Amino acid sequence: MKIILLEDVRKQGKKGDILEVKDGYGNFLIKNKQATVANTAGLNRLQRENDAKKAQEMEDIKTAEKLKGQLEKLELTFKVKTGAGDKVFGSVSPKQIADALKEKNLSIDKKQIKIADSLSALGYHEVEIELHKKVNAIIKVQLTK
């Protein structure tokens, strides 16, 4: 029996996969609304869902590209406390960067901000922000006294 999975099934496959299974197991999955028969109607529905998913993905990428353009024009400045020899006390965290972006009406989650090295030295630093799996923006962050 050929079926289309409607949700992820452990040790079988992911949502949208087309599988060949034994009749009893296929009926079990269909009864539990985890699968549907892979007939013309089912395949058409799967195609429509995939097309809608791709369209949404393209829309998300366009939105992320637009936001990337806004972010890369920005330069954030943080005043930090320094000690002898211009050593910075502590460092600037992703939360502080997210809060500074929020003040500029840009909604970025702190989990999207990727800091390779801690921002604990005076000067300019580049910080990567993951807006989408395929779109990353780099902003400039300056630490001053």
N, C-alpha and C. Protein backbone atom coordinates (compact mmCIF):
# COMPACT_ATOMS: atom_id res chain seq x y z
N MET A 1 0.85 -1.17 0.00
CA MET A 1 0.00 0.00 0.00
C MET A 1 0.90 1.24 0.00
N LYS A 2 0.58 2.19 -0.86
CA LYS A 2 1.33 3.44 -0.93
C LYS A 2 0.60 4.49 -0.12
N ILE A 3 1.34 5.16 0.79
CA ILE A 3 0.74 6.19 1.63
C ILE A 3 1.58 7.45 1.61
N ILE A 4 0.95 8.56 2.01
CA ILE A 4 1.64 9.84 2.19
C ILE A 4 1.54 10.18 3.67
N LEU A 5 2.69 10.43 4.32
CA LEU A 5 2.67 10.76 5.74
C LEU A 5 2.16 12.18 5.95
N LEU A 6 1.23 12.33 6.90
CA LEU A 6 0.68 13.64 7.23
C LEU A 6 1.42 14.29 8.40
N GLU A 7 2.23 13.50 9.08
CA GLU A 7 3.07 14.00 10.17
C GLU A 7 4.30 13.09 10.27
N ASP A 8 5.29 13.51 11.03
CA ASP A 8 6.48 12.69 11.21
C ASP A 8 6.10 11.41 11.96
N VAL A 9 6.58 10.28 11.45
CA VAL A 9 6.34 8.99 12.10
C VAL A 9 7.70 8.40 12.41
N ARG A 10 7.89 8.10 13.68
CA ARG A 10 9.18 7.59 14.15
C ARG A 10 9.59 6.33 13.38
N LYS A 11 10.81 6.31 12.94
CA LYS A 11 11.43 5.19 12.21
C LYS A 11 10.79 4.91 10.85
N GLN A 12 9.92 5.80 10.38
CA GLN A 12 9.31 5.61 9.07
C GLN A 12 9.65 6.74 8.12
N GLY A 13 9.43 7.98 8.57
CA GLY A 13 9.72 9.10 7.69
C GLY A 13 9.16 10.40 8.21
N LYS A 14 9.36 11.42 7.42
CA LYS A 14 8.92 12.77 7.78
C LYS A 14 7.61 13.10 7.07
N LYS A 15 6.99 14.17 7.52
CA LYS A 15 5.74 14.64 6.93
C LYS A 15 5.95 14.88 5.43
N GLY A 16 5.03 14.36 4.62
CA GLY A 16 5.11 14.56 3.18
C GLY A 16 5.82 13.43 2.43
N ASP A 17 6.46 12.52 3.15
CA ASP A 17 7.13 11.39 2.49
C ASP A 17 6.09 10.42 1.93
N ILE A 18 6.42 9.84 0.80
CA ILE A 18 5.56 8.82 0.19
C ILE A 18 6.24 7.47 0.46
N LEU A 19 5.51 6.56 1.12
CA LEU A 19 6.07 5.28 1.52
C LEU A 19 5.25 4.11 0.98
N GLU A 20 5.92 2.98 0.83
CA GLU A 20 5.26 1.71 0.50
C GLU A 20 5.29 0.88 1.78
N VAL A 21 4.11 0.62 2.35
CA VAL A 21 4.03 -0.15 3.60
C VAL A 21 3.04 -1.29 3.43
N LYS A 22 3.05 -2.21 4.39
CA LYS A 22 2.09 -3.31 4.38
C LYS A 22 0.69 -2.76 4.64
N ASP A 23 -0.32 -3.45 4.12
CA ASP A 23 -1.70 -2.98 4.21
C ASP A 23 -2.15 -2.72 5.65
N GLY A 24 -1.83 -3.62 6.56
CA GLY A 24 -2.26 -3.48 7.96
C GLY A 24 -1.67 -2.23 8.60
N TYR A 25 -0.37 -2.00 8.39
CA TYR A 25 0.29 -0.83 8.97
C TYR A 25 -0.23 0.45 8.30
N GLY A 26 -0.45 0.39 7.00
CA GLY A 26 -0.99 1.55 6.29
C GLY A 26 -2.37 1.93 6.82
N ASN A 27 -3.23 0.92 7.03
CA ASN A 27 -4.55 1.18 7.59
C ASN A 27 -4.48 1.76 9.00
N PHE A 28 -3.51 1.25 9.79
CA PHE A 28 -3.31 1.78 11.14
C PHE A 28 -2.94 3.26 11.09
N LEU A 29 -2.00 3.63 10.21
CA LEU A 29 -1.58 5.02 10.09
C LEU A 29 -2.71 5.91 9.58
N ILE A 30 -3.50 5.40 8.64
CA ILE A 30 -4.62 6.17 8.10
C ILE A 30 -5.68 6.37 9.18
N LYS A 31 -5.98 5.31 9.95
CA LYS A 31 -6.97 5.39 11.02
C LYS A 31 -6.56 6.41 12.07
N ASN A 32 -5.27 6.49 12.37
CA ASN A 32 -4.76 7.43 13.37
C ASN A 32 -4.46 8.81 12.79
N LYS A 33 -4.87 9.02 11.55
CA LYS A 33 -4.69 10.30 10.85
C LYS A 33 -3.23 10.75 10.78
N GLN A 34 -2.33 9.77 10.66
CA GLN A 34 -0.93 10.05 10.47
C GLN A 34 -0.54 9.92 9.00
N ALA A 35 -1.44 9.39 8.19
CA ALA A 35 -1.16 9.18 6.77
C ALA A 35 -2.45 9.20 5.98
N THR A 36 -2.29 9.31 4.66
CA THR A 36 -3.42 9.21 3.75
C THR A 36 -2.98 8.35 2.56
N VAL A 37 -3.93 7.82 1.85
CA VAL A 37 -3.62 6.98 0.69
C VAL A 37 -2.97 7.83 -0.40
N ALA A 38 -1.95 7.29 -1.05
CA ALA A 38 -1.24 8.02 -2.10
C ALA A 38 -1.96 7.86 -3.43
N ASN A 39 -3.16 8.42 -3.50
CA ASN A 39 -3.89 8.41 -4.77
C ASN A 39 -3.75 9.78 -5.43
N THR A 40 -4.43 10.01 -6.51
CA THR A 40 -4.30 11.27 -7.25
C THR A 40 -4.65 12.47 -6.38
N ALA A 41 -5.75 12.37 -5.63
CA ALA A 41 -6.17 13.49 -4.77
C ALA A 41 -5.13 13.77 -3.68
N GLY A 42 -4.61 12.71 -3.08
CA GLY A 42 -3.59 12.88 -2.05
C GLY A 42 -2.31 13.49 -2.58
N LEU A 43 -1.90 13.04 -3.76
CA LEU A 43 -0.69 13.59 -4.37
C LEU A 43 -0.88 15.05 -4.77
N ASN A 44 -2.09 15.39 -5.27
CA ASN A 44 -2.36 16.79 -5.61
C ASN A 44 -2.33 17.68 -4.36
N ARG A 45 -2.90 17.19 -3.27
CA ARG A 45 -2.89 17.95 -2.02
C ARG A 45 -1.45 18.15 -1.52
N LEU A 46 -0.64 17.11 -1.61
CA LEU A 46 0.76 17.20 -1.21
C LEU A 46 1.49 18.23 -2.06
N GLN A 47 1.23 18.24 -3.36
CA GLN A 47 1.86 19.20 -4.27
C GLN A 47 1.46 20.63 -3.91
N ARG A 48 0.17 20.85 -3.62
CA ARG A 48 -0.30 22.18 -3.23
C ARG A 48 0.36 22.65 -1.94
N GLU A 49 0.48 21.73 -0.97
CA GLU A 49 1.12 22.08 0.30
C GLU A 49 2.59 22.43 0.09
N ASN A 50 3.28 21.66 -0.75
CA ASN A 50 4.69 21.94 -1.03
C ASN A 50 4.86 23.28 -1.74
N ASP A 51 3.96 23.58 -2.68
CA ASP A 51 4.01 24.87 -3.38
C ASP A 51 3.78 26.02 -2.41
N ALA A 52 2.83 25.86 -1.51
CA ALA A 52 2.54 26.91 -0.52
C ALA A 52 3.73 27.10 0.42
N LYS A 53 4.37 25.98 0.79
CA LYS A 53 5.54 26.05 1.66
C LYS A 53 6.69 26.80 0.97
N LYS A 54 6.89 26.52 -0.31
CA LYS A 54 7.95 27.19 -1.07
C LYS A 54 7.66 28.68 -1.21
N ALA A 55 6.40 29.02 -1.46
CA ALA A 55 6.02 30.42 -1.58
C ALA A 55 6.25 31.15 -0.26
N GLN A 56 5.90 30.52 0.85
CA GLN A 56 6.12 31.13 2.17
C GLN A 56 7.61 31.30 2.43
N GLU A 57 8.39 30.32 2.05
CA GLU A 57 9.85 30.38 2.22
C GLU A 57 10.43 31.55 1.43
N MET A 58 9.98 31.73 0.20
CA MET A 58 10.47 32.84 -0.62
C MET A 58 10.07 34.18 0.00
N GLU A 59 8.87 34.27 0.53
CA GLU A 59 8.39 35.49 1.19
C GLU A 59 9.25 35.80 2.43
N ASP A 60 9.57 34.75 3.21
CA ASP A 60 10.41 34.93 4.39
C ASP A 60 11.81 35.41 4.00
N ILE A 61 12.35 34.87 2.91
CA ILE A 61 13.68 35.28 2.46
C ILE A 61 13.66 36.74 2.01
N LYS A 62 12.60 37.15 1.29
CA LYS A 62 12.49 38.55 0.86
C LYS A 62 12.44 39.49 2.05
N THR A 63 11.66 39.12 3.06
CA THR A 63 11.56 39.93 4.28
C THR A 63 12.91 40.01 4.98
N ALA A 64 13.61 38.88 5.06
CA ALA A 64 14.92 38.85 5.71
C ALA A 64 15.93 39.69 4.93
N GLU A 65 15.88 39.66 3.61
CA GLU A 65 16.80 40.47 2.79
C GLU A 65 16.55 41.96 3.02
N LYS A 66 15.28 42.33 3.13
CA LYS A 66 14.92 43.72 3.38
C LYS A 66 15.47 44.18 4.73
N LEU A 67 15.29 43.33 5.75
CA LEU A 67 15.79 43.63 7.09
C LEU A 67 17.31 43.67 7.10
N LYS A 68 17.93 42.82 6.31
CA LYS A 68 19.40 42.80 6.22
C LYS A 68 19.91 44.15 5.72
N GLY A 69 19.24 44.70 4.71
CA GLY A 69 19.64 46.02 4.19
C GLY A 69 19.57 47.09 5.25
N GLN A 70 18.54 47.05 6.09
CA GLN A 70 18.41 48.03 7.17
C GLN A 70 19.49 47.83 8.22
N LEU A 71 19.75 46.57 8.57
CA LEU A 71 20.71 46.29 9.63
C LEU A 71 22.14 46.64 9.25
N GLU A 72 22.51 46.37 8.01
CA GLU A 72 23.90 46.59 7.62
C GLU A 72 24.25 48.06 7.50
N LYS A 73 23.25 48.95 7.49
CA LYS A 73 23.50 50.38 7.51
C LYS A 73 23.75 50.89 8.92
N LEU A 74 23.36 50.09 9.91
CA LEU A 74 23.45 50.51 11.30
C LEU A 74 24.85 50.36 11.87
N GLU A 75 25.12 51.20 12.84
CA GLU A 75 26.33 51.06 13.64
C GLU A 75 25.92 51.31 15.08
N LEU A 76 26.08 50.30 15.92
CA LEU A 76 25.70 50.43 17.32
C LEU A 76 26.92 50.82 18.14
N THR A 77 26.72 51.75 19.08
CA THR A 77 27.81 52.19 19.95
C THR A 77 27.42 51.91 21.39
N PHE A 78 28.34 51.29 22.11
CA PHE A 78 28.12 50.98 23.52
C PHE A 78 29.22 51.64 24.33
N LYS A 79 28.82 52.36 25.38
CA LYS A 79 29.78 52.93 26.31
C LYS A 79 30.04 51.88 27.39
N VAL A 80 31.30 51.55 27.57
CA VAL A 80 31.65 50.52 28.55
C VAL A 80 32.63 51.10 29.56
N LYS A 81 32.66 50.49 30.73
CA LYS A 81 33.61 50.90 31.76
C LYS A 81 34.95 50.24 31.50
N THR A 82 36.01 51.00 31.65
CA THR A 82 37.34 50.45 31.42
C THR A 82 38.21 50.69 32.64
N GLY A 83 39.21 49.89 32.76
CA GLY A 83 40.15 50.01 33.86
C GLY A 83 41.51 50.45 33.35
N ALA A 84 42.53 50.12 34.09
CA ALA A 84 43.90 50.48 33.72
C ALA A 84 44.26 49.82 32.39
N GLY A 85 44.91 50.57 31.53
CA GLY A 85 45.31 50.03 30.24
C GLY A 85 44.14 49.81 29.30
N ASP A 86 43.07 50.53 29.50
CA ASP A 86 41.85 50.43 28.68
C ASP A 86 41.28 49.01 28.60
N LYS A 87 41.40 48.27 29.70
CA LYS A 87 40.77 46.94 29.76
C LYS A 87 39.29 47.11 30.07
N VAL A 88 38.47 46.44 29.30
CA VAL A 88 37.02 46.55 29.47
C VAL A 88 36.57 45.61 30.59
N PHE A 89 35.71 46.14 31.46
CA PHE A 89 35.11 45.30 32.49
C PHE A 89 33.91 44.58 31.88
N GLY A 90 33.92 43.26 31.86
CA GLY A 90 32.82 42.49 31.28
C GLY A 90 32.87 42.52 29.76
N SER A 91 31.71 42.33 29.15
CA SER A 91 31.62 42.36 27.70
C SER A 91 30.18 42.72 27.31
N VAL A 92 29.97 42.99 26.03
CA VAL A 92 28.64 43.30 25.51
C VAL A 92 27.99 41.97 25.11
N SER A 93 26.77 41.75 25.60
CA SER A 93 26.09 40.47 25.36
C SER A 93 25.10 40.59 24.20
N PRO A 94 24.68 39.45 23.65
CA PRO A 94 23.65 39.48 22.61
C PRO A 94 22.35 40.15 23.06
N LYS A 95 22.03 40.02 24.35
CA LYS A 95 20.82 40.66 24.87
C LYS A 95 20.93 42.18 24.78
N GLN A 96 22.10 42.71 25.11
CA GLN A 96 22.30 44.16 25.02
C GLN A 96 22.17 44.64 23.57
N ILE A 97 22.71 43.86 22.64
CA ILE A 97 22.62 44.22 21.22
C ILE A 97 21.16 44.16 20.78
N ALA A 98 20.43 43.12 21.19
CA ALA A 98 19.01 42.99 20.83
C ALA A 98 18.21 44.16 21.39
N ASP A 99 18.51 44.57 22.62
CA ASP A 99 17.81 45.71 23.22
C ASP A 99 18.11 47.00 22.47
N ALA A 100 19.36 47.19 22.05
CA ALA A 100 19.72 48.38 21.28
C ALA A 100 19.01 48.39 19.93
N LEU A 101 18.87 47.23 19.31
CA LEU A 101 18.16 47.14 18.04
C LEU A 101 16.66 47.39 18.24
N LYS A 102 16.13 46.94 19.37
CA LYS A 102 14.71 47.15 19.66
C LYS A 102 14.42 48.65 19.81
N GLU A 103 15.38 49.40 20.38
CA GLU A 103 15.22 50.86 20.51
C GLU A 103 15.14 51.52 19.13
N LYS A 104 15.72 50.89 18.13
CA LYS A 104 15.69 51.40 16.76
C LYS A 104 14.54 50.78 15.96
N ASN A 105 13.58 50.21 16.67
CA ASN A 105 12.38 49.59 16.08
C ASN A 105 12.69 48.40 15.16
N LEU A 106 13.72 47.65 15.50
CA LEU A 106 14.06 46.44 14.77
C LEU A 106 13.95 45.26 15.73
N SER A 107 13.04 44.37 15.45
CA SER A 107 12.77 43.25 16.34
C SER A 107 13.66 42.06 15.99
N ILE A 108 14.72 41.89 16.76
CA ILE A 108 15.66 40.77 16.57
C ILE A 108 15.76 40.03 17.90
N ASP A 109 15.63 38.71 17.85
CA ASP A 109 15.75 37.90 19.06
C ASP A 109 17.22 37.72 19.39
N LYS A 110 17.54 37.69 20.68
CA LYS A 110 18.94 37.56 21.08
C LYS A 110 19.55 36.24 20.62
N LYS A 111 18.71 35.23 20.37
CA LYS A 111 19.22 33.93 19.90
C LYS A 111 19.69 33.99 18.45
N GLN A 112 19.26 35.01 17.72
CA GLN A 112 19.67 35.16 16.33
C GLN A 112 21.05 35.81 16.23
N ILE A 113 21.52 36.43 17.30
CA ILE A 113 22.78 37.16 17.28
C ILE A 113 23.91 36.20 17.60
N LYS A 114 24.83 36.08 16.66
CA LYS A 114 25.95 35.15 16.80
C LYS A 114 27.24 35.95 17.02
N ILE A 115 27.81 35.81 18.21
CA ILE A 115 29.06 36.50 18.53
C ILE A 115 30.16 35.45 18.60
N ALA A 116 31.13 35.57 17.68
CA ALA A 116 32.22 34.59 17.63
C ALA A 116 33.12 34.74 18.87
N ASP A 117 33.67 35.91 19.07
CA ASP A 117 34.50 36.20 20.24
C ASP A 117 33.73 37.20 21.10
N SER A 118 34.00 37.16 22.41
CA SER A 118 33.29 38.10 23.27
C SER A 118 33.70 39.53 22.92
N LEU A 119 32.75 40.43 23.03
CA LEU A 119 33.02 41.85 22.73
C LEU A 119 33.56 42.49 23.99
N SER A 120 34.85 42.30 24.23
CA SER A 120 35.45 42.80 25.47
C SER A 120 36.70 43.62 25.19
N ALA A 121 36.75 44.27 24.04
CA ALA A 121 37.88 45.15 23.72
C ALA A 121 37.32 46.41 23.06
N LEU A 122 37.96 47.53 23.31
CA LEU A 122 37.52 48.77 22.69
C LEU A 122 37.70 48.70 21.18
N GLY A 123 36.88 49.44 20.46
CA GLY A 123 37.01 49.49 19.00
C GLY A 123 35.80 48.92 18.31
N TYR A 124 35.98 48.65 17.02
CA TYR A 124 34.89 48.15 16.18
C TYR A 124 34.91 46.63 16.14
N HIS A 125 33.72 46.06 16.13
CA HIS A 125 33.56 44.61 16.03
C HIS A 125 32.45 44.33 15.03
N GLU A 126 32.55 43.20 14.34
CA GLU A 126 31.48 42.78 13.45
C GLU A 126 30.71 41.65 14.11
N VAL A 127 29.40 41.80 14.13
CA VAL A 127 28.53 40.80 14.76
C VAL A 127 27.57 40.27 13.70
N GLU A 128 27.45 38.95 13.65
CA GLU A 128 26.59 38.31 12.66
C GLU A 128 25.20 38.08 13.27
N ILE A 129 24.17 38.36 12.48
CA ILE A 129 22.80 38.12 12.89
C ILE A 129 22.16 37.19 11.86
N GLU A 130 21.66 36.05 12.34
CA GLU A 130 21.03 35.07 11.45
C GLU A 130 19.54 35.41 11.34
N LEU A 131 19.17 36.01 10.22
CA LEU A 131 17.78 36.41 10.00
C LEU A 131 16.94 35.27 9.47
N HIS A 132 17.59 34.39 8.74
CA HIS A 132 16.94 33.23 8.11
C HIS A 132 18.05 32.22 7.89
N LYS A 133 17.70 30.97 7.64
CA LYS A 133 18.74 29.95 7.41
C LYS A 133 19.66 30.35 6.28
N LYS A 134 19.12 31.08 5.29
CA LYS A 134 19.91 31.45 4.11
C LYS A 134 20.34 32.91 4.10
N VAL A 135 19.94 33.71 5.09
CA VAL A 135 20.24 35.14 5.09
C VAL A 135 20.87 35.54 6.42
N ASN A 136 22.10 36.04 6.34
CA ASN A 136 22.80 36.55 7.51
C ASN A 136 23.18 37.99 7.28
N ALA A 137 23.06 38.82 8.31
CA ALA A 137 23.46 40.20 8.24
C ALA A 137 24.63 40.42 9.18
N ILE A 138 25.49 41.37 8.84
CA ILE A 138 26.62 41.70 9.70
C ILE A 138 26.49 43.17 10.07
N ILE A 139 26.45 43.41 11.39
CA ILE A 139 26.37 44.80 11.85
C ILE A 139 27.67 45.17 12.53
N LYS A 140 27.93 46.48 12.58
CA LYS A 140 29.13 46.98 13.24
C LYS A 140 28.76 47.44 14.64
N VAL A 141 29.56 47.00 15.59
CA VAL A 141 29.37 47.38 16.97
C VAL A 141 30.65 48.04 17.44
N GLN A 142 30.50 49.23 18.05
CA GLN A 142 31.67 49.95 18.53
C GLN A 142 31.60 50.04 20.05
N LEU A 143 32.72 49.73 20.68
CA LEU A 143 32.82 49.88 22.13
C LEU A 143 33.70 51.08 22.41
N THR A 144 33.18 52.02 23.21
CA THR A 144 33.93 53.24 23.54
C THR A 144 33.99 53.40 25.06
N LYS A 145 34.87 54.29 25.49
CA LYS A 145 34.98 54.60 26.93
C LYS A 145 33.84 55.45 27.37
